[in-house]
Protein backbone atom coordinates (compact mmCIF):
# COMPACT_ATOMS: atom_id res chain seq x y z
CA UNK A 1 11.57 60.79 47.02
CA UNK A 2 14.59 60.04 49.14
CA UNK A 3 16.23 56.74 48.25
CA UNK A 4 14.19 56.35 44.99
CA UNK A 5 16.02 55.82 41.71
CA UNK A 6 14.73 57.25 38.53
CA UNK A 7 14.24 54.56 35.72
CA UNK A 8 16.22 55.23 32.68
CA UNK A 9 14.04 55.52 29.57
CA UNK A 10 14.25 52.60 27.34
CA UNK A 11 15.58 53.29 23.90
CA UNK A 12 13.20 53.50 20.95
CA UNK A 13 14.73 50.27 19.40
CA UNK A 14 14.51 48.24 22.72
CA UNK A 15 11.06 49.69 23.40
CA UNK A 16 9.67 48.50 20.03
CA UNK A 17 11.38 45.09 20.67
CA UNK A 18 9.73 44.72 24.04
CA UNK A 19 6.28 45.58 22.56
CA UNK A 20 6.53 43.02 19.83
CA UNK A 21 4.55 39.94 20.87
CA UNK A 22 6.50 36.60 20.53
CA UNK A 23 6.10 34.75 17.43
CA UNK A 24 3.78 31.72 17.45
CA UNK A 25 5.17 28.28 16.78
CA UNK A 26 4.37 27.15 13.24
CA UNK A 27 1.31 24.99 12.85
CA UNK A 28 1.73 21.32 12.39
CA UNK A 29 0.12 20.12 9.14
CA UNK A 30 -3.31 18.56 9.82
CA UNK A 31 -3.30 14.75 10.66
CA UNK A 32 -4.85 12.70 7.92
CA UNK A 33 -5.38 9.73 10.01
CA UNK A 34 -9.24 10.22 10.13
CA UNK A 35 -9.76 11.99 6.75
CA UNK A 36 -12.39 10.35 4.74
CA UNK A 37 -11.39 11.53 1.31
CA UNK A 38 -7.91 12.56 0.24
CA UNK A 39 -7.41 15.69 -1.98
CA UNK A 40 -4.53 16.52 -4.29
CA UNK A 41 -3.22 18.77 -1.67
CA UNK A 42 -3.42 16.08 0.97
CA UNK A 43 -1.51 13.48 -1.25
CA UNK A 44 0.96 16.18 -2.46
CA UNK A 45 0.81 14.85 -5.90
CA UNK A 46 1.18 16.74 -9.15
CA UNK A 47 -1.92 17.49 -11.20
CA UNK A 48 -1.25 14.91 -13.76
CA UNK A 49 -0.54 12.35 -11.02
CA UNK A 50 -3.78 13.01 -9.24
CA UNK A 51 -5.83 13.01 -12.35
CA UNK A 52 -4.90 9.37 -12.83
CA UNK A 53 -6.31 8.52 -9.33
CA UNK A 54 -9.39 10.55 -9.92
CA UNK A 55 -10.35 8.66 -12.99
CA UNK A 56 -10.13 5.47 -11.05
CA UNK A 57 -13.47 5.98 -9.43
CA UNK A 58 -14.49 2.31 -8.61
CA UNK A 59 -12.62 -0.87 -7.57
CA UNK A 60 -13.44 -2.44 -10.85
CA UNK A 61 -11.87 0.54 -12.70
CA UNK A 62 -8.72 0.40 -10.39
CA UNK A 63 -8.39 -3.39 -11.02
CA UNK A 64 -8.66 -2.95 -14.82
CA UNK A 65 -6.05 -0.18 -14.71
CA UNK A 66 -3.53 -2.41 -12.69
CA UNK A 67 -4.12 -5.40 -15.09
CA UNK A 68 -3.40 -3.08 -18.13
CA UNK A 69 -0.04 -2.07 -16.43
CA UNK A 70 3.01 -3.86 -17.30
CA UNK A 71 4.43 -6.29 -14.73
CA UNK A 72 7.40 -5.18 -12.64
CA UNK A 73 10.04 -7.94 -12.94
CA UNK A 74 12.54 -6.15 -10.98
CA UNK A 75 15.26 -6.47 -13.55
CA UNK A 76 17.38 -3.93 -11.87
CA UNK A 77 16.97 -5.65 -8.40
CA UNK A 78 14.38 -5.71 -5.58
CA UNK A 79 11.89 -2.85 -5.61
CA UNK A 80 9.04 -1.55 -3.59
CA UNK A 81 7.88 1.52 -5.54
CA UNK A 82 5.65 4.21 -4.04
CA UNK A 83 2.49 5.52 -5.78
CA UNK A 84 4.47 8.35 -7.53
CA UNK A 85 7.03 5.80 -8.81
CA UNK A 86 4.38 3.50 -10.16
CA UNK A 87 2.72 6.16 -12.02
CA UNK A 88 6.09 7.42 -13.42
CA UNK A 89 7.45 3.97 -14.55
CA UNK A 90 4.03 2.43 -15.56
CA UNK A 91 4.82 -0.93 -14.07
CA UNK A 92 4.20 -2.70 -10.78
CA UNK A 93 3.99 -5.90 -8.82
CA UNK A 94 1.76 -6.97 -6.07
CA UNK A 95 2.54 -4.42 -3.14
CA UNK A 96 3.21 -1.62 -5.63
CA UNK A 97 -0.26 -2.18 -7.31
CA UNK A 98 -1.84 -2.52 -3.79
CA UNK A 99 -0.58 0.94 -2.87
CA UNK A 100 -1.94 2.69 -6.07
CA UNK A 101 -5.12 0.85 -5.52
CA UNK A 102 -5.36 2.04 -1.82
CA UNK A 103 -4.56 5.67 -2.89
CA UNK A 104 -7.22 5.68 -5.49
CA UNK A 105 -9.76 4.22 -3.18
CA UNK A 106 -8.91 6.98 -0.70
CA UNK A 107 -9.41 9.68 -3.25
CA UNK A 108 -12.99 8.43 -3.73
CA UNK A 109 -13.76 8.35 0.00
CA UNK A 110 -12.98 4.66 1.04
CA UNK A 111 -10.16 3.90 3.47
CA UNK A 112 -6.84 2.89 2.03
CA UNK A 113 -6.48 -0.73 3.63
CA UNK A 114 -3.91 -3.21 2.87
CA UNK A 115 -3.98 -6.95 3.68
CA UNK A 116 -0.82 -9.13 3.87
CA UNK A 117 -0.95 -12.80 2.90
CA UNK A 118 1.98 -14.58 4.38
CA UNK A 119 3.39 -17.94 2.91
CA UNK A 120 5.99 -20.39 3.85
CA UNK A 121 8.83 -20.91 1.62
CA UNK A 122 7.20 -18.33 -0.84
CA UNK A 123 6.59 -14.70 -1.38
CA UNK A 124 3.96 -12.79 0.51
CA UNK A 125 1.06 -11.23 -1.45
CA UNK A 126 -0.44 -7.87 -0.65
CA UNK A 127 -3.83 -6.69 -1.75
CA UNK A 128 -6.01 -3.53 -1.36
CA UNK A 129 -9.17 -4.11 0.55
CA UNK A 130 -12.65 -2.66 0.02
CA UNK A 131 -16.22 -3.35 1.24
CA UNK A 132 -19.66 -3.55 -0.37
CA UNK A 133 -22.83 -4.14 1.78
CA UNK A 134 -20.75 -5.43 4.66
CA UNK A 135 -18.80 -7.91 2.56
CA UNK A 136 -15.14 -7.76 1.84
CA UNK A 137 -13.42 -7.76 -1.58
CA UNK A 138 -9.88 -6.90 -2.92
CA UNK A 139 -7.89 -5.56 -5.66
CA UNK A 140 -4.76 -7.48 -6.70
CA UNK A 141 -1.87 -7.05 -9.15
CA UNK A 142 -0.44 -10.20 -10.13
CA UNK A 143 1.13 -11.68 -13.41
CA UNK A 144 -0.44 -15.17 -13.00
CA UNK A 145 -3.93 -16.64 -13.13
CA UNK A 146 -4.03 -17.35 -9.32
CA UNK A 147 -3.85 -14.47 -6.94
CA UNK A 148 -6.06 -12.04 -8.74
CA UNK A 149 -9.27 -9.78 -7.86
CA UNK A 150 -11.80 -11.05 -5.34
CA UNK A 151 -15.38 -10.08 -5.55
CA UNK A 152 -16.95 -8.43 -2.48
CA UNK A 153 -18.80 -11.39 -1.23
CA UNK A 154 -16.65 -12.58 1.72
CA UNK A 155 -18.11 -12.13 5.17
CA UNK A 156 -14.84 -11.88 6.94
CA UNK A 157 -11.11 -11.31 6.01
CA UNK A 158 -10.43 -14.93 7.02
CA UNK A 159 -12.98 -16.06 4.31
CA UNK A 160 -11.28 -13.78 1.82
CA UNK A 161 -7.83 -15.11 2.60
CA UNK A 162 -9.02 -18.73 2.43
CA UNK A 163 -10.04 -18.11 -1.02
CA UNK A 164 -6.35 -17.97 -2.07
CA UNK A 165 -5.54 -21.18 -0.25
CA UNK A 166 -5.81 -23.78 -3.01
CA UNK A 167 -3.96 -21.83 -5.73
CA UNK A 168 -1.31 -20.21 -3.46
CA UNK A 169 1.63 -22.76 -4.13
CA UNK A 170 5.38 -22.48 -4.14
CA UNK A 171 7.98 -23.94 -6.58
CA UNK A 172 7.79 -27.46 -5.00
CA UNK A 173 4.04 -27.38 -5.58
CA UNK A 174 3.22 -27.29 -1.89
CA UNK A 175 0.17 -25.14 -0.95
CA UNK A 176 2.14 -22.42 0.96
CA UNK A 177 -0.26 -19.87 2.29
CA UNK A 178 -0.30 -19.81 6.08
CA UNK A 179 -1.38 -16.56 7.51
CA UNK A 180 -3.28 -13.30 6.86
CA UNK A 181 -2.79 -9.88 8.50
CA UNK A 182 -5.10 -7.34 10.33
CA UNK A 183 -6.00 -4.55 7.87
CA UNK A 184 -3.33 -1.96 7.81
CA UNK A 185 -4.73 1.66 7.23
CA UNK A 186 -2.22 3.77 5.23
CA UNK A 187 -3.50 6.84 6.79
CA UNK A 188 -1.27 5.98 9.65
CA UNK A 189 1.93 6.05 7.53
CA UNK A 190 3.86 9.12 6.39
CA UNK A 191 2.79 10.22 2.82
CA UNK A 192 6.57 10.03 1.74
CA UNK A 193 6.69 6.35 2.75
CA UNK A 194 4.04 5.19 0.33
CA UNK A 195 2.90 8.14 -1.97
CA UNK A 196 5.41 10.81 -2.78
CA UNK A 197 8.74 9.21 -2.03
CA UNK A 198 11.29 8.47 -4.68
CA UNK A 199 13.35 5.87 -2.66
CA UNK A 200 10.56 3.25 -2.23
CA UNK A 201 7.94 2.05 -0.03
CA UNK A 202 10.21 -0.27 2.09
CA UNK A 203 8.89 1.29 5.34
CA UNK A 204 5.50 -0.09 4.48
CA UNK A 205 6.76 -3.46 3.65
CA UNK A 206 8.46 -3.70 7.02
CA UNK A 207 5.13 -2.46 8.74
CA UNK A 208 3.16 -5.28 7.05
CA UNK A 209 5.53 -7.77 8.34
CA UNK A 210 5.40 -6.41 11.86
CA UNK A 211 1.66 -6.16 12.29
CA UNK A 212 -0.51 -8.87 13.75
CA UNK A 213 -1.14 -12.02 11.56
CA UNK A 214 -3.61 -14.86 12.10
CA UNK A 215 -3.10 -18.58 11.23
CA UNK A 216 -5.21 -19.91 8.50
CA UNK A 217 -4.53 -23.52 9.05
CA UNK A 218 -3.47 -25.80 11.92
CA UNK A 219 -0.54 -28.09 11.91
CA UNK A 220 -2.71 -31.14 11.49
CA UNK A 221 -4.46 -29.45 8.59
CA UNK A 222 -1.18 -28.70 7.05
CA UNK A 223 -0.07 -32.41 7.02
CA UNK A 224 -3.36 -33.07 4.95
CA UNK A 225 -2.62 -30.43 2.15
CA UNK A 226 -2.22 -32.12 -1.18
CA UNK A 227 0.43 -30.95 -3.58
CA UNK A 228 -0.55 -29.34 -6.96
CA UNK A 229 -1.13 -31.89 -9.67
CA UNK A 230 0.59 -31.78 -13.08
CA UNK A 231 -2.27 -30.08 -14.76
CA UNK A 232 -2.58 -27.29 -11.92
CA UNK A 233 1.09 -26.94 -12.38
CA UNK A 234 0.68 -26.29 -16.21
CA UNK A 235 -1.91 -23.80 -15.78
CA UNK A 236 -0.09 -21.99 -13.05
CA UNK A 237 2.77 -21.38 -15.52
CA UNK A 238 0.48 -19.17 -17.52
CA UNK A 239 1.40 -15.38 -17.36
CA UNK A 240 -0.12 -12.23 -18.61
CA UNK A 241 3.14 -10.51 -19.31
CA UNK A 242 6.20 -12.37 -20.49
CA UNK A 243 9.48 -11.47 -18.65
CA UNK A 244 11.82 -9.81 -21.11
CA UNK A 245 15.20 -11.35 -21.98
CA UNK A 246 18.28 -9.60 -21.02
CA UNK A 247 20.16 -8.40 -24.14
CA UNK A 248 23.13 -10.50 -24.84
CA UNK A 249 26.51 -8.82 -24.06
CA UNK A 250 28.77 -8.15 -27.06
């Protein structure tokens, strides 16, 4: 037709390129936030690592495993080990043990929940929570006789936290426990921040410090707290594992 222009044939290479459908964006890994039971693939652990958690099929077994584990005295400086690091080094302190306990609970179909106990002029303590028949209990890694396991008999987290009140004392023998946190669900955190990382679980420690805490005692009640007596002080000095002495430099 007059005025019409013939379209030039597209070369075979370009024609093939045009016919190729665009690539779909890579799928994001599925969220674990609402997953009830964690698998080996979910946790990205090696077979030998996951086997340890799979054997710990009850809170009682988890607690026994942690008590049999050496205490981490942080001889090389402050530490906050992930689950992988604890399984590798076979030692832990409170938050490190709580992370292992939470991971084991999750493997067996229970939510991986942490509770932070905040103290004044003293170290915080972190435990892993579990429930039985509507009542709270917790798994705890500690080297002394005070801040250990709690049976699942507490109707609320406040009740559970208060069970630590009398024994939770600082070096001046003052009862130092002041607050407890809301439960922190580790399914909200990145796996590398608490399970698989090799640089520590510092992000979890920071998150526990940021989440909401509730007061356990009022100011008038704090003024009524009695210091630890000499016998209690003596009992509190008992430890399960002795801190190793540094070798003398030649």
